């Protein structure tokens, strides 16, 4: 099923892939503890952490909507560029991440005085997402 030259099933799978990547990236196995500390939370405050987890539902829903929108736009760029392989889709995803996502995040980090490590964790996650979306959207035509 296509809309404006974009495979909508690939868009959905791409958006879901970003959610899976986020659950892994920000899990205790990877960056949960440093991210929590850099955000100013005490990872040992079990009550606060449980409260944060309880109220995360709306944020996850909005994040999924944002991922769908990103995948649609990236899919359109890939379609216009006539990309038909996962590797070239990843290259487009990397270019979009490098040219737009990481620069916007850097500006935000600078002006909100975020620690550089926090910027690296967050933009690293976005890099993984755009590479995965690019692979899916480029390969699944």
N, C-alpha and C. Protein backbone atom coordinates (compact mmCIF):
# COMPACT_ATOMS: atom_id res chain seq x y z
N UNK A 1 0.84 -1.17 0.00
CA UNK A 1 0.00 0.00 0.00
C UNK A 1 0.90 1.24 0.00
N UNK A 2 0.71 2.10 -1.00
CA UNK A 2 1.54 3.29 -1.17
C UNK A 2 0.69 4.56 -1.12
N UNK A 3 1.32 5.62 -0.63
CA UNK A 3 0.71 6.94 -0.63
C UNK A 3 1.80 7.94 -0.99
N UNK A 4 1.59 8.67 -2.07
CA UNK A 4 2.58 9.63 -2.57
C UNK A 4 3.94 8.98 -2.80
N UNK A 5 3.91 7.74 -3.27
CA UNK A 5 5.15 7.03 -3.56
C UNK A 5 5.85 6.44 -2.35
N UNK A 6 5.18 6.48 -1.20
CA UNK A 6 5.78 5.98 0.04
C UNK A 6 5.03 4.73 0.49
N UNK A 7 5.77 3.68 0.77
CA UNK A 7 5.19 2.42 1.24
C UNK A 7 4.74 2.60 2.69
N UNK A 8 3.44 2.60 2.92
CA UNK A 8 2.91 2.87 4.25
C UNK A 8 3.19 1.74 5.25
N UNK A 9 3.31 0.50 4.76
CA UNK A 9 3.69 -0.59 5.65
C UNK A 9 5.13 -0.39 6.13
N UNK A 10 6.00 0.04 5.22
CA UNK A 10 7.39 0.31 5.60
C UNK A 10 7.46 1.47 6.59
N UNK A 11 6.59 2.46 6.42
CA UNK A 11 6.53 3.58 7.36
C UNK A 11 6.15 3.07 8.76
N UNK A 12 5.12 2.24 8.82
CA UNK A 12 4.68 1.72 10.11
C UNK A 12 5.77 0.88 10.77
N UNK A 13 6.40 0.00 10.01
CA UNK A 13 7.47 -0.83 10.56
C UNK A 13 8.65 0.04 10.99
N UNK A 14 8.96 1.07 10.23
CA UNK A 14 10.04 1.99 10.59
C UNK A 14 9.74 2.69 11.91
N UNK A 15 8.53 3.17 12.05
CA UNK A 15 8.14 3.86 13.28
C UNK A 15 8.21 2.91 14.48
N UNK A 16 7.75 1.69 14.29
CA UNK A 16 7.83 0.71 15.37
C UNK A 16 9.28 0.36 15.69
N UNK A 17 10.12 0.33 14.67
CA UNK A 17 11.55 0.05 14.89
C UNK A 17 12.19 1.13 15.76
N UNK A 18 11.77 2.38 15.59
CA UNK A 18 12.33 3.45 16.43
C UNK A 18 11.90 3.27 17.88
N UNK A 19 10.70 2.78 18.09
CA UNK A 19 10.23 2.54 19.45
C UNK A 19 11.04 1.41 20.10
N UNK A 20 11.26 0.34 19.36
CA UNK A 20 12.06 -0.77 19.88
C UNK A 20 13.49 -0.28 20.17
N UNK A 21 14.04 0.50 19.25
CA UNK A 21 15.39 1.05 19.46
C UNK A 21 15.42 1.90 20.72
N UNK A 22 14.39 2.70 20.94
CA UNK A 22 14.33 3.54 22.12
C UNK A 22 14.26 2.74 23.40
N UNK A 23 13.44 1.68 23.40
CA UNK A 23 13.34 0.84 24.59
C UNK A 23 14.70 0.21 24.90
N UNK A 24 15.43 -0.19 23.87
CA UNK A 24 16.76 -0.78 24.09
C UNK A 24 17.78 0.29 24.47
N UNK A 25 17.82 1.40 23.73
CA UNK A 25 18.82 2.46 23.92
C UNK A 25 18.76 3.03 25.34
N UNK A 26 17.53 3.26 25.79
CA UNK A 26 17.34 3.87 27.11
C UNK A 26 17.04 2.84 28.19
N UNK A 27 17.42 1.58 27.93
CA UNK A 27 17.22 0.51 28.92
C UNK A 27 18.42 0.44 29.86
N UNK A 28 18.27 -0.27 30.98
CA UNK A 28 19.40 -0.44 31.89
C UNK A 28 20.61 -1.11 31.24
N UNK A 29 20.38 -1.88 30.19
CA UNK A 29 21.50 -2.55 29.51
C UNK A 29 22.39 -1.56 28.77
N UNK A 30 21.83 -0.41 28.38
CA UNK A 30 22.63 0.56 27.63
C UNK A 30 22.75 1.89 28.38
N UNK A 31 21.85 2.83 28.16
CA UNK A 31 22.08 4.19 28.65
C UNK A 31 21.08 4.71 29.69
N UNK A 32 20.29 3.84 30.29
CA UNK A 32 19.28 4.30 31.25
C UNK A 32 19.92 5.07 32.41
N UNK A 33 20.94 4.50 33.01
CA UNK A 33 21.52 5.15 34.20
C UNK A 33 22.19 6.48 33.87
N UNK A 34 23.10 6.55 32.88
CA UNK A 34 23.71 7.85 32.61
C UNK A 34 22.69 8.89 32.14
N UNK A 35 21.70 8.46 31.34
CA UNK A 35 20.67 9.39 30.87
C UNK A 35 19.89 9.94 32.05
N UNK A 36 19.49 9.05 32.97
CA UNK A 36 18.72 9.47 34.14
C UNK A 36 19.50 10.48 34.98
N UNK A 37 20.76 10.20 35.24
CA UNK A 37 21.59 11.10 36.03
C UNK A 37 21.78 12.44 35.31
N UNK A 38 22.08 12.40 34.01
CA UNK A 38 22.30 13.63 33.24
C UNK A 38 21.03 14.47 33.12
N UNK A 39 19.87 13.82 33.21
CA UNK A 39 18.60 14.54 33.19
C UNK A 39 18.27 15.15 34.55
N UNK A 40 19.08 14.81 35.56
CA UNK A 40 18.88 15.38 36.89
C UNK A 40 18.01 14.55 37.80
N UNK A 41 17.77 13.30 37.45
CA UNK A 41 16.98 12.41 38.30
C UNK A 41 17.91 11.53 39.12
N UNK A 42 17.44 11.11 40.27
CA UNK A 42 18.18 10.18 41.11
C UNK A 42 17.73 8.76 40.78
N UNK A 43 18.59 7.96 40.14
CA UNK A 43 18.17 6.60 39.76
C UNK A 43 17.86 5.71 40.97
N UNK A 44 18.30 6.12 42.16
CA UNK A 44 18.03 5.35 43.37
C UNK A 44 16.70 5.72 44.03
N UNK A 45 16.06 6.77 43.54
CA UNK A 45 14.75 7.19 44.07
C UNK A 45 13.68 6.36 43.37
N UNK A 46 13.38 5.22 43.95
CA UNK A 46 12.47 4.25 43.32
C UNK A 46 11.07 4.83 43.13
N UNK A 47 10.60 5.62 44.08
CA UNK A 47 9.26 6.20 43.97
C UNK A 47 9.18 7.16 42.79
N UNK A 48 10.19 8.00 42.64
CA UNK A 48 10.21 8.97 41.54
C UNK A 48 10.33 8.25 40.19
N UNK A 49 11.16 7.23 40.15
CA UNK A 49 11.34 6.48 38.90
C UNK A 49 10.03 5.76 38.52
N UNK A 50 9.34 5.21 39.51
CA UNK A 50 8.06 4.54 39.23
C UNK A 50 7.02 5.55 38.75
N UNK A 51 7.02 6.74 39.35
CA UNK A 51 6.10 7.80 38.93
C UNK A 51 6.39 8.23 37.49
N UNK A 52 7.69 8.35 37.16
CA UNK A 52 8.07 8.70 35.79
C UNK A 52 7.58 7.64 34.80
N UNK A 53 7.74 6.38 35.14
CA UNK A 53 7.32 5.30 34.26
C UNK A 53 5.81 5.28 34.08
N UNK A 54 5.06 5.55 35.15
CA UNK A 54 3.60 5.57 35.07
C UNK A 54 3.09 6.65 34.13
N UNK A 55 3.74 7.80 34.14
CA UNK A 55 3.26 8.93 33.35
C UNK A 55 3.86 8.97 31.94
N UNK A 56 4.57 7.94 31.55
CA UNK A 56 5.26 7.94 30.26
C UNK A 56 4.35 7.61 29.08
N UNK A 57 3.17 7.08 29.31
CA UNK A 57 2.27 6.65 28.24
C UNK A 57 2.01 7.71 27.18
N UNK A 58 1.56 8.91 27.57
CA UNK A 58 1.33 9.96 26.57
C UNK A 58 2.59 10.34 25.80
N UNK A 59 3.72 10.31 26.47
CA UNK A 59 4.98 10.62 25.78
C UNK A 59 5.31 9.56 24.74
N UNK A 60 5.09 8.30 25.08
CA UNK A 60 5.32 7.22 24.11
C UNK A 60 4.38 7.36 22.92
N UNK A 61 3.14 7.70 23.17
CA UNK A 61 2.17 7.87 22.08
C UNK A 61 2.59 9.01 21.15
N UNK A 62 2.97 10.13 21.71
CA UNK A 62 3.40 11.26 20.89
C UNK A 62 4.71 10.94 20.16
N UNK A 63 5.57 10.20 20.82
CA UNK A 63 6.82 9.78 20.19
C UNK A 63 6.55 8.88 18.98
N UNK A 64 5.57 8.00 19.11
CA UNK A 64 5.21 7.13 17.98
C UNK A 64 4.66 7.96 16.82
N UNK A 65 3.83 8.94 17.12
CA UNK A 65 3.29 9.82 16.08
C UNK A 65 4.43 10.58 15.40
N UNK A 66 5.37 11.08 16.20
CA UNK A 66 6.53 11.79 15.62
C UNK A 66 7.35 10.86 14.74
N UNK A 67 7.50 9.61 15.15
CA UNK A 67 8.26 8.64 14.36
C UNK A 67 7.56 8.33 13.04
N UNK A 68 6.23 8.23 13.08
CA UNK A 68 5.48 8.00 11.84
C UNK A 68 5.69 9.17 10.89
N UNK A 69 5.59 10.37 11.40
CA UNK A 69 5.78 11.56 10.56
C UNK A 69 7.20 11.60 9.99
N UNK A 70 8.19 11.32 10.82
CA UNK A 70 9.58 11.28 10.33
C UNK A 70 9.75 10.23 9.25
N UNK A 71 9.15 9.06 9.46
CA UNK A 71 9.28 7.98 8.48
C UNK A 71 8.59 8.34 7.16
N UNK A 72 7.46 9.01 7.22
CA UNK A 72 6.78 9.44 5.99
C UNK A 72 7.66 10.40 5.21
N UNK A 73 8.22 11.38 5.91
CA UNK A 73 9.06 12.38 5.22
C UNK A 73 10.33 11.73 4.69
N UNK A 74 10.98 10.91 5.50
CA UNK A 74 12.18 10.22 5.03
C UNK A 74 11.83 9.30 3.86
N UNK A 75 10.69 8.62 3.95
CA UNK A 75 10.25 7.76 2.84
C UNK A 75 10.04 8.55 1.56
N UNK A 76 9.49 9.74 1.66
CA UNK A 76 9.29 10.59 0.48
C UNK A 76 10.64 11.02 -0.11
N UNK A 77 11.57 11.40 0.75
CA UNK A 77 12.90 11.77 0.27
C UNK A 77 13.55 10.59 -0.44
N UNK A 78 13.43 9.41 0.13
CA UNK A 78 14.00 8.20 -0.47
C UNK A 78 13.32 7.89 -1.80
N UNK A 79 12.01 8.07 -1.86
CA UNK A 79 11.28 7.83 -3.12
C UNK A 79 11.70 8.82 -4.19
N UNK A 80 11.82 10.09 -3.84
CA UNK A 80 12.21 11.12 -4.81
C UNK A 80 13.64 10.88 -5.30
N UNK A 81 14.50 10.39 -4.41
CA UNK A 81 15.88 10.09 -4.79
C UNK A 81 15.99 8.78 -5.56
N UNK A 82 14.86 8.08 -5.71
CA UNK A 82 14.81 6.81 -6.44
C UNK A 82 15.74 5.76 -5.81
N UNK A 83 15.79 5.74 -4.51
CA UNK A 83 16.59 4.77 -3.77
C UNK A 83 15.83 3.45 -3.71
N UNK A 84 16.52 2.35 -4.01
CA UNK A 84 15.85 1.05 -4.02
C UNK A 84 16.59 -0.02 -3.22
N UNK A 85 17.56 0.38 -2.41
CA UNK A 85 18.27 -0.61 -1.59
C UNK A 85 18.36 -0.11 -0.15
N UNK A 86 18.49 -1.06 0.75
CA UNK A 86 18.61 -0.73 2.17
C UNK A 86 19.86 0.12 2.44
N UNK A 87 20.97 -0.23 1.79
CA UNK A 87 22.22 0.50 2.02
C UNK A 87 22.09 1.97 1.61
N UNK A 88 21.52 2.22 0.44
CA UNK A 88 21.35 3.62 0.02
C UNK A 88 20.30 4.33 0.86
N UNK A 89 19.31 3.58 1.34
CA UNK A 89 18.35 4.16 2.26
C UNK A 89 19.02 4.59 3.55
N UNK A 90 19.96 3.78 4.02
CA UNK A 90 20.72 4.14 5.23
C UNK A 90 21.56 5.38 4.99
N UNK A 91 22.13 5.50 3.79
CA UNK A 91 22.92 6.69 3.47
C UNK A 91 22.06 7.95 3.50
N UNK A 92 20.84 7.85 2.97
CA UNK A 92 19.92 8.99 3.01
C UNK A 92 19.53 9.28 4.46
N UNK A 93 19.23 8.24 5.22
CA UNK A 93 18.90 8.41 6.64
C UNK A 93 20.03 9.07 7.40
N UNK A 94 21.27 8.66 7.13
CA UNK A 94 22.43 9.26 7.78
C UNK A 94 22.57 10.74 7.40
N UNK A 95 22.35 11.04 6.13
CA UNK A 95 22.46 12.44 5.68
C UNK A 95 21.40 13.32 6.33
N UNK A 96 20.17 12.81 6.42
CA UNK A 96 19.09 13.57 7.07
C UNK A 96 19.42 13.76 8.54
N UNK A 97 19.87 12.70 9.20
CA UNK A 97 20.24 12.81 10.61
C UNK A 97 21.36 13.84 10.80
N UNK A 98 22.41 13.72 10.00
CA UNK A 98 23.56 14.60 10.16
C UNK A 98 23.22 16.06 9.82
N UNK A 99 22.47 16.26 8.76
CA UNK A 99 22.19 17.62 8.31
C UNK A 99 21.09 18.33 9.08
N UNK A 100 20.15 17.58 9.61
CA UNK A 100 18.99 18.21 10.24
C UNK A 100 18.84 17.84 11.72
N UNK A 101 18.77 16.56 12.00
CA UNK A 101 18.45 16.12 13.36
C UNK A 101 19.54 16.50 14.35
N UNK A 102 20.76 16.10 14.05
CA UNK A 102 21.83 16.35 15.03
C UNK A 102 22.13 17.85 15.18
N UNK A 103 21.97 18.61 14.12
CA UNK A 103 22.23 20.05 14.23
C UNK A 103 21.16 20.75 15.06
N UNK A 104 19.92 20.35 14.89
CA UNK A 104 18.84 20.93 15.72
C UNK A 104 19.02 20.52 17.17
N UNK A 105 19.35 19.26 17.39
CA UNK A 105 19.57 18.80 18.76
C UNK A 105 20.78 19.50 19.40
N UNK A 106 21.81 19.74 18.61
CA UNK A 106 22.99 20.43 19.14
C UNK A 106 22.65 21.86 19.56
N UNK A 107 21.93 22.55 18.70
CA UNK A 107 21.53 23.92 19.04
C UNK A 107 20.70 23.93 20.32
N UNK A 108 19.76 23.01 20.42
CA UNK A 108 18.94 22.90 21.63
C UNK A 108 19.81 22.60 22.85
N UNK A 109 20.74 21.68 22.71
CA UNK A 109 21.61 21.31 23.83
C UNK A 109 22.47 22.50 24.27
N UNK A 110 22.96 23.26 23.30
CA UNK A 110 23.80 24.41 23.65
C UNK A 110 23.02 25.48 24.40
N UNK A 111 21.85 25.83 23.90
CA UNK A 111 21.09 26.91 24.51
C UNK A 111 20.36 26.50 25.78
N UNK A 112 20.09 25.21 25.94
CA UNK A 112 19.48 24.76 27.19
C UNK A 112 20.54 24.28 28.18
N UNK A 113 21.80 24.42 27.78
CA UNK A 113 22.94 24.08 28.62
C UNK A 113 22.92 22.62 29.10
N UNK A 114 22.55 21.75 28.16
CA UNK A 114 22.58 20.32 28.46
C UNK A 114 24.02 19.84 28.52
N UNK A 115 24.30 18.86 29.34
CA UNK A 115 25.63 18.25 29.30
C UNK A 115 25.87 17.62 27.92
N UNK A 116 27.11 17.70 27.45
CA UNK A 116 27.43 17.17 26.12
C UNK A 116 27.18 15.66 26.05
N UNK A 117 27.42 14.96 27.17
CA UNK A 117 27.17 13.51 27.19
C UNK A 117 25.69 13.21 26.95
N UNK A 118 24.81 14.04 27.49
CA UNK A 118 23.38 13.86 27.27
C UNK A 118 23.04 14.06 25.80
N UNK A 119 23.63 15.08 25.21
CA UNK A 119 23.44 15.31 23.76
C UNK A 119 23.89 14.09 22.97
N UNK A 120 25.05 13.53 23.32
CA UNK A 120 25.57 12.36 22.59
C UNK A 120 24.65 11.15 22.74
N UNK A 121 24.12 10.93 23.93
CA UNK A 121 23.19 9.80 24.13
C UNK A 121 21.95 10.00 23.27
N UNK A 122 21.36 11.18 23.33
CA UNK A 122 20.11 11.44 22.60
C UNK A 122 20.30 11.45 21.09
N UNK A 123 21.36 12.07 20.62
CA UNK A 123 21.56 12.12 19.17
C UNK A 123 22.06 10.78 18.64
N UNK A 124 22.73 10.02 19.49
CA UNK A 124 23.12 8.66 19.09
C UNK A 124 21.90 7.79 18.84
N UNK A 125 20.92 7.94 19.72
CA UNK A 125 19.66 7.21 19.53
C UNK A 125 19.01 7.61 18.21
N UNK A 126 18.99 8.90 17.92
CA UNK A 126 18.40 9.37 16.66
C UNK A 126 19.16 8.84 15.45
N UNK A 127 20.48 8.74 15.56
CA UNK A 127 21.28 8.18 14.46
C UNK A 127 20.85 6.74 14.17
N UNK A 128 20.72 5.95 15.23
CA UNK A 128 20.28 4.56 15.08
C UNK A 128 18.90 4.52 14.41
N UNK A 129 18.00 5.40 14.85
CA UNK A 129 16.64 5.43 14.30
C UNK A 129 16.66 5.76 12.81
N UNK A 130 17.39 6.80 12.42
CA UNK A 130 17.39 7.20 11.02
C UNK A 130 18.10 6.19 10.13
N UNK A 131 19.11 5.52 10.65
CA UNK A 131 19.74 4.45 9.88
C UNK A 131 18.77 3.28 9.69
N UNK A 132 18.07 2.91 10.76
CA UNK A 132 17.10 1.81 10.66
C UNK A 132 15.94 2.17 9.74
N UNK A 133 15.40 3.39 9.90
CA UNK A 133 14.29 3.80 9.03
C UNK A 133 14.75 3.85 7.58
N UNK A 134 15.95 4.38 7.35
CA UNK A 134 16.47 4.45 5.98
C UNK A 134 16.61 3.07 5.36
N UNK A 135 17.11 2.12 6.15
CA UNK A 135 17.26 0.75 5.64
C UNK A 135 15.90 0.15 5.29
N UNK A 136 14.94 0.31 6.18
CA UNK A 136 13.62 -0.28 5.95
C UNK A 136 12.93 0.40 4.76
N UNK A 137 12.94 1.72 4.75
CA UNK A 137 12.24 2.46 3.68
C UNK A 137 12.94 2.31 2.34
N UNK A 138 14.27 2.22 2.33
CA UNK A 138 15.00 2.06 1.08
C UNK A 138 14.89 0.66 0.51
N UNK A 139 14.86 -0.32 1.40
CA UNK A 139 14.83 -1.71 0.94
C UNK A 139 13.45 -2.25 0.65
N UNK A 140 12.45 -1.68 1.29
CA UNK A 140 11.09 -2.18 1.17
C UNK A 140 10.28 -1.23 0.28
N UNK A 141 10.41 -1.39 -0.99
CA UNK A 141 9.76 -0.50 -1.96
C UNK A 141 8.49 -1.16 -2.41
